């Protein structure tokens, strides 16, 4: 198991990265749950599991300054990774 309590098989990591990314989307877009900082944390966890959608979401958050400071350099870095 990794530090998030998720099994380490490649398929399991892939599935879990999409679930974690989805939790980030829930926190970012759903009005009653909206919490950009928490969304950023979920996207970061998903990106550590090599999820390219999460990396793109992190780039967007850096670019627009949602939940974190606006940082164009980091946005470009994450867009390239995705």
PDB file of N, CA and C in Angstrom:
ATOM      1  N   UNK A   1       0.841  -1.194   0.000  1.00  0.00           N
ATOM      2  CA  UNK A   1       0.000   0.000   0.000  1.00  0.00           C
ATOM      3  C   UNK A   1       0.883   1.254   0.000  1.00  0.00           C
ATOM      4  N   UNK A   2       0.395   2.290  -0.664  1.00  0.00           N
ATOM      5  CA  UNK A   2       1.152   3.531  -0.655  1.00  0.00           C
ATOM      6  C   UNK A   2       0.729   4.398   0.534  1.00  0.00           C
ATOM      7  N   UNK A   3       1.232   5.619   0.591  1.00  0.00           N
ATOM      8  CA  UNK A   3       0.970   6.471   1.757  1.00  0.00           C
ATOM      9  C   UNK A   3      -0.483   6.916   1.876  1.00  0.00           C
ATOM     10  N   UNK A   4      -1.304   6.704   0.824  1.00  0.00           N
ATOM     11  CA  UNK A   4      -2.715   7.056   0.880  1.00  0.00           C
ATOM     12  C   UNK A   4      -3.598   5.861   1.221  1.00  0.00           C
ATOM     13  N   UNK A   5      -2.960   4.717   1.511  1.00  0.00           N
ATOM     14  CA  UNK A   5      -3.716   3.521   1.839  1.00  0.00           C
ATOM     15  C   UNK A   5      -4.286   2.836   0.610  1.00  0.00           C
ATOM     16  N   UNK A   6      -3.689   3.107  -0.558  1.00  0.00           N
ATOM     17  CA  UNK A   6      -4.171   2.549  -1.811  1.00  0.00           C
ATOM     18  C   UNK A   6      -3.229   1.446  -2.256  1.00  0.00           C
ATOM     19  N   UNK A   7      -3.790   0.333  -2.723  1.00  0.00           N
ATOM     20  CA  UNK A   7      -2.961  -0.774  -3.195  1.00  0.00           C
ATOM     21  C   UNK A   7      -2.073  -0.317  -4.341  1.00  0.00           C
ATOM     22  N   UNK A   8      -0.940  -0.954  -4.505  1.00  0.00           N
ATOM     23  CA  UNK A   8       0.067  -0.502  -5.452  1.00  0.00           C
ATOM     24  C   UNK A   8       0.033  -1.146  -6.832  1.00  0.00           C
ATOM     25  N   UNK A   9      -0.910  -2.030  -7.125  1.00  0.00           N
ATOM     26  CA  UNK A   9      -0.922  -2.609  -8.463  1.00  0.00           C
ATOM     27  C   UNK A   9      -1.205  -1.508  -9.493  1.00  0.00           C
ATOM     28  N   UNK A  10      -0.668  -1.666 -10.683  1.00  0.00           N
ATOM     29  CA  UNK A  10      -0.773  -0.625 -11.709  1.00  0.00           C
ATOM     30  C   UNK A  10      -2.239  -0.299 -12.026  1.00  0.00           C
ATOM     31  N   UNK A  11      -3.072  -1.321 -12.209  1.00  0.00           N
ATOM     32  CA  UNK A  11      -4.482  -1.083 -12.517  1.00  0.00           C
ATOM     33  C   UNK A  11      -5.210  -0.411 -11.367  1.00  0.00           C
ATOM     34  N   UNK A  12      -4.905  -0.825 -10.157  1.00  0.00           N
ATOM     35  CA  UNK A  12      -5.535  -0.222  -8.985  1.00  0.00           C
ATOM     36  C   UNK A  12      -5.140   1.247  -8.861  1.00  0.00           C
ATOM     37  N   UNK A  13      -3.859   1.562  -9.073  1.00  0.00           N
ATOM     38  CA  UNK A  13      -3.408   2.958  -9.014  1.00  0.00           C
ATOM     39  C   UNK A  13      -4.131   3.792 -10.056  1.00  0.00           C
ATOM     40  N   UNK A  14      -4.294   3.258 -11.248  1.00  0.00           N
ATOM     41  CA  UNK A  14      -4.971   3.979 -12.321  1.00  0.00           C
ATOM     42  C   UNK A  14      -6.424   4.259 -11.952  1.00  0.00           C
ATOM     43  N   UNK A  15      -7.132   3.238 -11.480  1.00  0.00           N
ATOM     44  CA  UNK A  15      -8.529   3.412 -11.079  1.00  0.00           C
ATOM     45  C   UNK A  15      -8.642   4.410  -9.931  1.00  0.00           C
ATOM     46  N   UNK A  16      -7.780   4.249  -8.939  1.00  0.00           N
ATOM     47  CA  UNK A  16      -7.839   5.133  -7.782  1.00  0.00           C
ATOM     48  C   UNK A  16      -7.485   6.571  -8.142  1.00  0.00           C
ATOM     49  N   UNK A  17      -6.574   6.758  -9.090  1.00  0.00           N
ATOM     50  CA  UNK A  17      -6.211   8.119  -9.474  1.00  0.00           C
ATOM     51  C   UNK A  17      -7.409   8.837 -10.097  1.00  0.00           C
ATOM     52  N   UNK A  18      -8.248   8.101 -10.850  1.00  0.00           N
ATOM     53  CA  UNK A  18      -9.441   8.707 -11.434  1.00  0.00           C
ATOM     54  C   UNK A  18     -10.480   9.025 -10.356  1.00  0.00           C
ATOM     55  N   UNK A  19     -10.592   8.168  -9.365  1.00  0.00           N
ATOM     56  CA  UNK A  19     -11.529   8.422  -8.267  1.00  0.00           C
ATOM     57  C   UNK A  19     -11.086   9.658  -7.482  1.00  0.00           C
ATOM     58  N   UNK A  20      -9.809   9.734  -7.169  1.00  0.00           N
ATOM     59  CA  UNK A  20      -9.288  10.885  -6.422  1.00  0.00           C
ATOM     60  C   UNK A  20      -9.459  12.163  -7.238  1.00  0.00           C
ATOM     61  N   UNK A  21      -9.200  12.093  -8.549  1.00  0.00           N
ATOM     62  CA  UNK A  21      -9.399  13.253  -9.413  1.00  0.00           C
ATOM     63  C   UNK A  21     -10.875  13.673  -9.411  1.00  0.00           C
ATOM     64  N   UNK A  22     -11.770  12.696  -9.420  1.00  0.00           N
ATOM     65  CA  UNK A  22     -13.204  12.982  -9.365  1.00  0.00           C
ATOM     66  C   UNK A  22     -13.608  13.676  -8.074  1.00  0.00           C
ATOM     67  N   UNK A  23     -12.985  13.288  -6.973  1.00  0.00           N
ATOM     68  CA  UNK A  23     -13.249  13.979  -5.705  1.00  0.00           C
ATOM     69  C   UNK A  23     -12.790  15.438  -5.795  1.00  0.00           C
ATOM     70  N   UNK A  24     -11.663  15.650  -6.476  1.00  0.00           N
ATOM     71  CA  UNK A  24     -11.196  17.015  -6.702  1.00  0.00           C
ATOM     72  C   UNK A  24     -12.198  17.815  -7.517  1.00  0.00           C
ATOM     73  N   UNK A  25     -12.755  17.193  -8.560  1.00  0.00           N
ATOM     74  CA  UNK A  25     -13.771  17.868  -9.369  1.00  0.00           C
ATOM     75  C   UNK A  25     -14.989  18.225  -8.532  1.00  0.00           C
ATOM     76  N   UNK A  26     -15.403  17.312  -7.666  1.00  0.00           N
ATOM     77  CA  UNK A  26     -16.539  17.565  -6.792  1.00  0.00           C
ATOM     78  C   UNK A  26     -16.278  18.785  -5.913  1.00  0.00           C
ATOM     79  N   UNK A  27     -15.097  18.848  -5.324  1.00  0.00           N
ATOM     80  CA  UNK A  27     -14.754  19.978  -4.463  1.00  0.00           C
ATOM     81  C   UNK A  27     -14.589  21.278  -5.254  1.00  0.00           C
ATOM     82  N   UNK A  28     -14.188  21.174  -6.495  1.00  0.00           N
ATOM     83  CA  UNK A  28     -13.935  22.376  -7.299  1.00  0.00           C
ATOM     84  C   UNK A  28     -15.210  22.945  -7.913  1.00  0.00           C
ATOM     85  N   UNK A  29     -16.127  22.086  -8.365  1.00  0.00           N
ATOM     86  CA  UNK A  29     -17.260  22.560  -9.160  1.00  0.00           C
ATOM     87  C   UNK A  29     -18.616  22.554  -8.457  1.00  0.00           C
ATOM     88  N   UNK A  30     -18.837  21.653  -7.531  1.00  0.00           N
ATOM     89  CA  UNK A  30     -20.148  21.572  -6.892  1.00  0.00           C
ATOM     90  C   UNK A  30     -20.288  22.665  -5.842  1.00  0.00           C
ATOM     91  N   UNK A  31     -21.281  23.524  -6.009  1.00  0.00           N
ATOM     92  CA  UNK A  31     -21.443  24.701  -5.155  1.00  0.00           C
ATOM     93  C   UNK A  31     -21.545  24.344  -3.678  1.00  0.00           C
ATOM     94  N   UNK A  32     -22.339  23.327  -3.357  1.00  0.00           N
ATOM     95  CA  UNK A  32     -22.527  22.999  -1.936  1.00  0.00           C
ATOM     96  C   UNK A  32     -21.283  22.379  -1.302  1.00  0.00           C
ATOM     97  N   UNK A  33     -20.351  21.883  -2.108  1.00  0.00           N
ATOM     98  CA  UNK A  33     -19.122  21.287  -1.599  1.00  0.00           C
ATOM     99  C   UNK A  33     -17.883  22.104  -1.963  1.00  0.00           C
ATOM    100  N   UNK A  34     -18.061  23.251  -2.595  1.00  0.00           N
ATOM    101  CA  UNK A  34     -16.931  23.965  -3.196  1.00  0.00           C
ATOM    102  C   UNK A  34     -15.865  24.338  -2.168  1.00  0.00           C
ATOM    103  N   UNK A  35     -14.667  23.839  -2.437  1.00  0.00           N
ATOM    104  CA  UNK A  35     -13.505  24.101  -1.593  1.00  0.00           C
ATOM    105  C   UNK A  35     -12.274  23.919  -2.489  1.00  0.00           C
ATOM    106  N   UNK A  36     -11.790  25.017  -3.052  1.00  0.00           N
ATOM    107  CA  UNK A  36     -10.701  24.932  -4.019  1.00  0.00           C
ATOM    108  C   UNK A  36      -9.410  24.385  -3.417  1.00  0.00           C
ATOM    109  N   UNK A  37      -9.130  24.693  -2.177  1.00  0.00           N
ATOM    110  CA  UNK A  37      -7.914  24.185  -1.539  1.00  0.00           C
ATOM    111  C   UNK A  37      -7.965  22.659  -1.450  1.00  0.00           C
ATOM    112  N   UNK A  38      -9.102  22.143  -1.045  1.00  0.00           N
ATOM    113  CA  UNK A  38      -9.264  20.695  -0.940  1.00  0.00           C
ATOM    114  C   UNK A  38      -9.201  20.047  -2.327  1.00  0.00           C
ATOM    115  N   UNK A  39      -9.791  20.705  -3.327  1.00  0.00           N
ATOM    116  CA  UNK A  39      -9.722  20.193  -4.701  1.00  0.00           C
ATOM    117  C   UNK A  39      -8.271  20.106  -5.149  1.00  0.00           C
ATOM    118  N   UNK A  40      -7.484  21.140  -4.864  1.00  0.00           N
ATOM    119  CA  UNK A  40      -6.068  21.135  -5.226  1.00  0.00           C
ATOM    120  C   UNK A  40      -5.344  19.971  -4.559  1.00  0.00           C
ATOM    121  N   UNK A  41      -5.658  19.709  -3.308  1.00  0.00           N
ATOM    122  CA  UNK A  41      -5.035  18.585  -2.590  1.00  0.00           C
ATOM    123  C   UNK A  41      -5.379  17.246  -3.249  1.00  0.00           C
ATOM    124  N   UNK A  42      -6.641  17.062  -3.625  1.00  0.00           N
ATOM    125  CA  UNK A  42      -7.039  15.823  -4.304  1.00  0.00           C
ATOM    126  C   UNK A  42      -6.337  15.689  -5.656  1.00  0.00           C
ATOM    127  N   UNK A  43      -6.279  16.781  -6.411  1.00  0.00           N
ATOM    128  CA  UNK A  43      -5.598  16.735  -7.711  1.00  0.00           C
ATOM    129  C   UNK A  43      -4.122  16.388  -7.543  1.00  0.00           C
ATOM    130  N   UNK A  44      -3.507  16.919  -6.504  1.00  0.00           N
ATOM    131  CA  UNK A  44      -2.092  16.625  -6.252  1.00  0.00           C
ATOM    132  C   UNK A  44      -1.894  15.147  -5.965  1.00  0.00           C
ATOM    133  N   UNK A  45      -2.758  14.571  -5.143  1.00  0.00           N
ATOM    134  CA  UNK A  45      -2.670  13.140  -4.847  1.00  0.00           C
ATOM    135  C   UNK A  45      -2.852  12.311  -6.111  1.00  0.00           C
ATOM    136  N   UNK A  46      -3.803  12.705  -6.939  1.00  0.00           N
ATOM    137  CA  UNK A  46      -4.056  11.984  -8.182  1.00  0.00           C
ATOM    138  C   UNK A  46      -2.884  12.137  -9.152  1.00  0.00           C
ATOM    139  N   UNK A  47      -2.301  13.314  -9.219  1.00  0.00           N
ATOM    140  CA  UNK A  47      -1.147  13.552 -10.105  1.00  0.00           C
ATOM    141  C   UNK A  47       0.054  12.717  -9.668  1.00  0.00           C
ATOM    142  N   UNK A  48       0.214  12.505  -8.364  1.00  0.00           N
ATOM    143  CA  UNK A  48       1.300  11.654  -7.868  1.00  0.00           C
ATOM    144  C   UNK A  48       1.130  10.213  -8.352  1.00  0.00           C
ATOM    145  N   UNK A  49      -0.113   9.846  -8.677  1.00  0.00           N
ATOM    146  CA  UNK A  49      -0.395   8.518  -9.229  1.00  0.00           C
ATOM    147  C   UNK A  49      -0.376   8.554 -10.762  1.00  0.00           C
ATOM    148  N   UNK A  50       0.196   9.622 -11.318  1.00  0.00           N
ATOM    149  CA  UNK A  50       0.426   9.776 -12.765  1.00  0.00           C
ATOM    150  C   UNK A  50      -0.851  10.007 -13.575  1.00  0.00           C
ATOM    151  N   UNK A  51      -1.852  10.659 -12.985  1.00  0.00           N
ATOM    152  CA  UNK A  51      -3.085  10.958 -13.700  1.00  0.00           C
ATOM    153  C   UNK A  51      -2.923  12.274 -14.467  1.00  0.00           C
ATOM    154  N   UNK A  52      -2.973  12.200 -15.800  1.00  0.00           N
ATOM    155  CA  UNK A  52      -2.744  13.387 -16.625  1.00  0.00           C
ATOM    156  C   UNK A  52      -3.877  14.410 -16.508  1.00  0.00           C
ATOM    157  N   UNK A  53      -5.112  13.954 -16.258  1.00  0.00           N
ATOM    158  CA  UNK A  53      -6.220  14.889 -16.070  1.00  0.00           C
ATOM    159  C   UNK A  53      -5.993  15.733 -14.812  1.00  0.00           C
ATOM    160  N   UNK A  54      -5.487  15.106 -13.772  1.00  0.00           N
ATOM    161  CA  UNK A  54      -5.203  15.828 -12.537  1.00  0.00           C
ATOM    162  C   UNK A  54      -4.105  16.873 -12.762  1.00  0.00           C
ATOM    163  N   UNK A  55      -3.101  16.504 -13.559  1.00  0.00           N
ATOM    164  CA  UNK A  55      -2.023  17.449 -13.855  1.00  0.00           C
ATOM    165  C   UNK A  55      -2.558  18.657 -14.615  1.00  0.00           C
ATOM    166  N   UNK A  56      -3.486  18.420 -15.526  1.00  0.00           N
ATOM    167  CA  UNK A  56      -4.111  19.514 -16.269  1.00  0.00           C
ATOM    168  C   UNK A  56      -4.944  20.376 -15.325  1.00  0.00           C
ATOM    169  N   UNK A  57      -5.658  19.738 -14.401  1.00  0.00           N
ATOM    170  CA  UNK A  57      -6.465  20.487 -13.433  1.00  0.00           C
ATOM    171  C   UNK A  57      -5.585  21.339 -12.517  1.00  0.00           C
ATOM    172  N   UNK A  58      -4.450  20.804 -12.100  1.00  0.00           N
ATOM    173  CA  UNK A  58      -3.508  21.573 -11.282  1.00  0.00           C
ATOM    174  C   UNK A  58      -3.017  22.780 -12.074  1.00  0.00           C
ATOM    175  N   UNK A  59      -2.690  22.568 -13.338  1.00  0.00           N
ATOM    176  CA  UNK A  59      -2.239  23.677 -14.190  1.00  0.00           C
ATOM    177  C   UNK A  59      -3.308  24.765 -14.265  1.00  0.00           C
ATOM    178  N   UNK A  60      -4.558  24.367 -14.461  1.00  0.00           N
ATOM    179  CA  UNK A  60      -5.653  25.342 -14.519  1.00  0.00           C
ATOM    180  C   UNK A  60      -5.774  26.115 -13.212  1.00  0.00           C
ATOM    181  N   UNK A  61      -5.641  25.411 -12.098  1.00  0.00           N
ATOM    182  CA  UNK A  61      -5.766  26.074 -10.798  1.00  0.00           C
ATOM    183  C   UNK A  61      -4.626  27.067 -10.574  1.00  0.00           C
ATOM    184  N   UNK A  62      -3.424  26.696 -10.979  1.00  0.00           N
ATOM    185  CA  UNK A  62      -2.304  27.642 -10.895  1.00  0.00           C
ATOM    186  C   UNK A  62      -2.541  28.837 -11.823  1.00  0.00           C
ATOM    187  N   UNK A  63      -3.025  28.589 -13.012  1.00  0.00           N
ATOM    188  CA  UNK A  63      -3.228  29.656 -13.983  1.00  0.00           C
ATOM    189  C   UNK A  63      -4.281  30.658 -13.494  1.00  0.00           C
ATOM    190  N   UNK A  64      -5.414  30.146 -12.998  1.00  0.00           N
ATOM    191  CA  UNK A  64      -6.509  31.009 -12.581  1.00  0.00           C
ATOM    192  C   UNK A  64      -6.442  31.419 -11.109  1.00  0.00           C
ATOM    193  N   UNK A  65      -5.557  30.788 -10.336  1.00  0.00           N
ATOM    194  CA  UNK A  65      -5.413  31.132  -8.922  1.00  0.00           C
ATOM    195  C   UNK A  65      -6.540  30.620  -8.053  1.00  0.00           C
ATOM    196  N   UNK A  66      -7.113  29.470  -8.400  1.00  0.00           N
ATOM    197  CA  UNK A  66      -8.174  28.876  -7.579  1.00  0.00           C
ATOM    198  C   UNK A  66      -7.559  28.084  -6.432  1.00  0.00           C
ATOM    199  N   UNK A  67      -7.797  28.499  -5.201  1.00  0.00           N
ATOM    200  CA  UNK A  67      -7.334  27.760  -4.036  1.00  0.00           C
ATOM    201  C   UNK A  67      -5.859  27.914  -3.727  1.00  0.00           C
ATOM    202  N   UNK A  68      -5.112  28.515  -4.628  1.00  0.00           N
ATOM    203  CA  UNK A  68      -3.676  28.728  -4.468  1.00  0.00           C
ATOM    204  C   UNK A  68      -3.305  30.041  -5.145  1.00  0.00           C
ATOM    205  N   UNK A  69      -2.085  30.476  -4.949  1.00  0.00           N
ATOM    206  CA  UNK A  69      -1.621  31.703  -5.598  1.00  0.00           C
ATOM    207  C   UNK A  69      -1.485  31.487  -7.100  1.00  0.00           C
ATOM    208  N   UNK A  70      -1.811  32.499  -7.858  1.00  0.00           N
ATOM    209  CA  UNK A  70      -1.636  32.468  -9.305  1.00  0.00           C
ATOM    210  C   UNK A  70      -0.158  32.322  -9.621  1.00  0.00           C
ATOM    211  N   UNK A  71       0.195  31.328 -10.456  1.00  0.00           N
ATOM    212  CA  UNK A  71       1.599  31.085 -10.798  1.00  0.00           C
ATOM    213  C   UNK A  71       1.658  30.524 -12.225  1.00  0.00           C
ATOM    214  N   UNK A  72       1.913  31.413 -13.180  1.00  0.00           N
ATOM    215  CA  UNK A  72       1.917  31.028 -14.594  1.00  0.00           C
ATOM    216  C   UNK A  72       3.024  30.017 -14.893  1.00  0.00           C
ATOM    217  N   UNK A  73       4.185  30.173 -14.274  1.00  0.00           N
ATOM    218  CA  UNK A  73       5.306  29.259 -14.517  1.00  0.00           C
ATOM    219  C   UNK A  73       4.932  27.828 -14.134  1.00  0.00           C
ATOM    220  N   UNK A  74       4.336  27.659 -12.952  1.00  0.00           N
ATOM    221  CA  UNK A  74       3.921  26.316 -12.531  1.00  0.00           C
ATOM    222  C   UNK A  74       2.786  25.796 -13.395  1.00  0.00           C
ATOM    223  N   UNK A  75       1.905  26.679 -13.835  1.00  0.00           N
ATOM    224  CA  UNK A  75       0.806  26.267 -14.719  1.00  0.00           C
ATOM    225  C   UNK A  75       1.374  25.670 -16.002  1.00  0.00           C
ATOM    226  N   UNK A  76       2.328  26.344 -16.596  1.00  0.00           N
ATOM    227  CA  UNK A  76       2.947  25.844 -17.833  1.00  0.00           C
ATOM    228  C   UNK A  76       3.646  24.521 -17.588  1.00  0.00           C
ATOM    229  N   UNK A  77       4.335  24.411 -16.443  1.00  0.00           N
ATOM    230  CA  UNK A  77       5.042  23.164 -16.093  1.00  0.00           C
ATOM    231  C   UNK A  77       4.066  21.991 -16.025  1.00  0.00           C
ATOM    232  N   UNK A  78       2.917  22.185 -15.373  1.00  0.00           N
ATOM    233  CA  UNK A  78       1.942  21.099 -15.249  1.00  0.00           C
ATOM    234  C   UNK A  78       1.225  20.822 -16.570  1.00  0.00           C
ATOM    235  N   UNK A  79       0.991  21.863 -17.383  1.00  0.00           N
ATOM    236  CA  UNK A  79       0.391  21.617 -18.696  1.00  0.00           C
ATOM    237  C   UNK A  79       1.289  20.747 -19.542  1.00  0.00           C
ATOM    238  N   UNK A  80       2.598  20.992 -19.460  1.00  0.00           N
ATOM    239  CA  UNK A  80       3.564  20.174 -20.215  1.00  0.00           C
ATOM    240  C   UNK A  80       3.582  18.726 -19.709  1.00  0.00           C
ATOM    241  N   UNK A  81       3.452  18.548 -18.407  1.00  0.00           N
ATOM    242  CA  UNK A  81       3.440  17.192 -17.838  1.00  0.00           C
ATOM    243  C   UNK A  81       2.192  16.414 -18.275  1.00  0.00           C
ATOM    244  N   UNK A  82       1.077  17.138 -18.411  1.00  0.00           N
ATOM    245  CA  UNK A  82      -0.174  16.446 -18.748  1.00  0.00           C
ATOM    246  C   UNK A  82      -0.178  16.050 -20.198  1.00  0.00           C
TER     247      UNK A  82
END
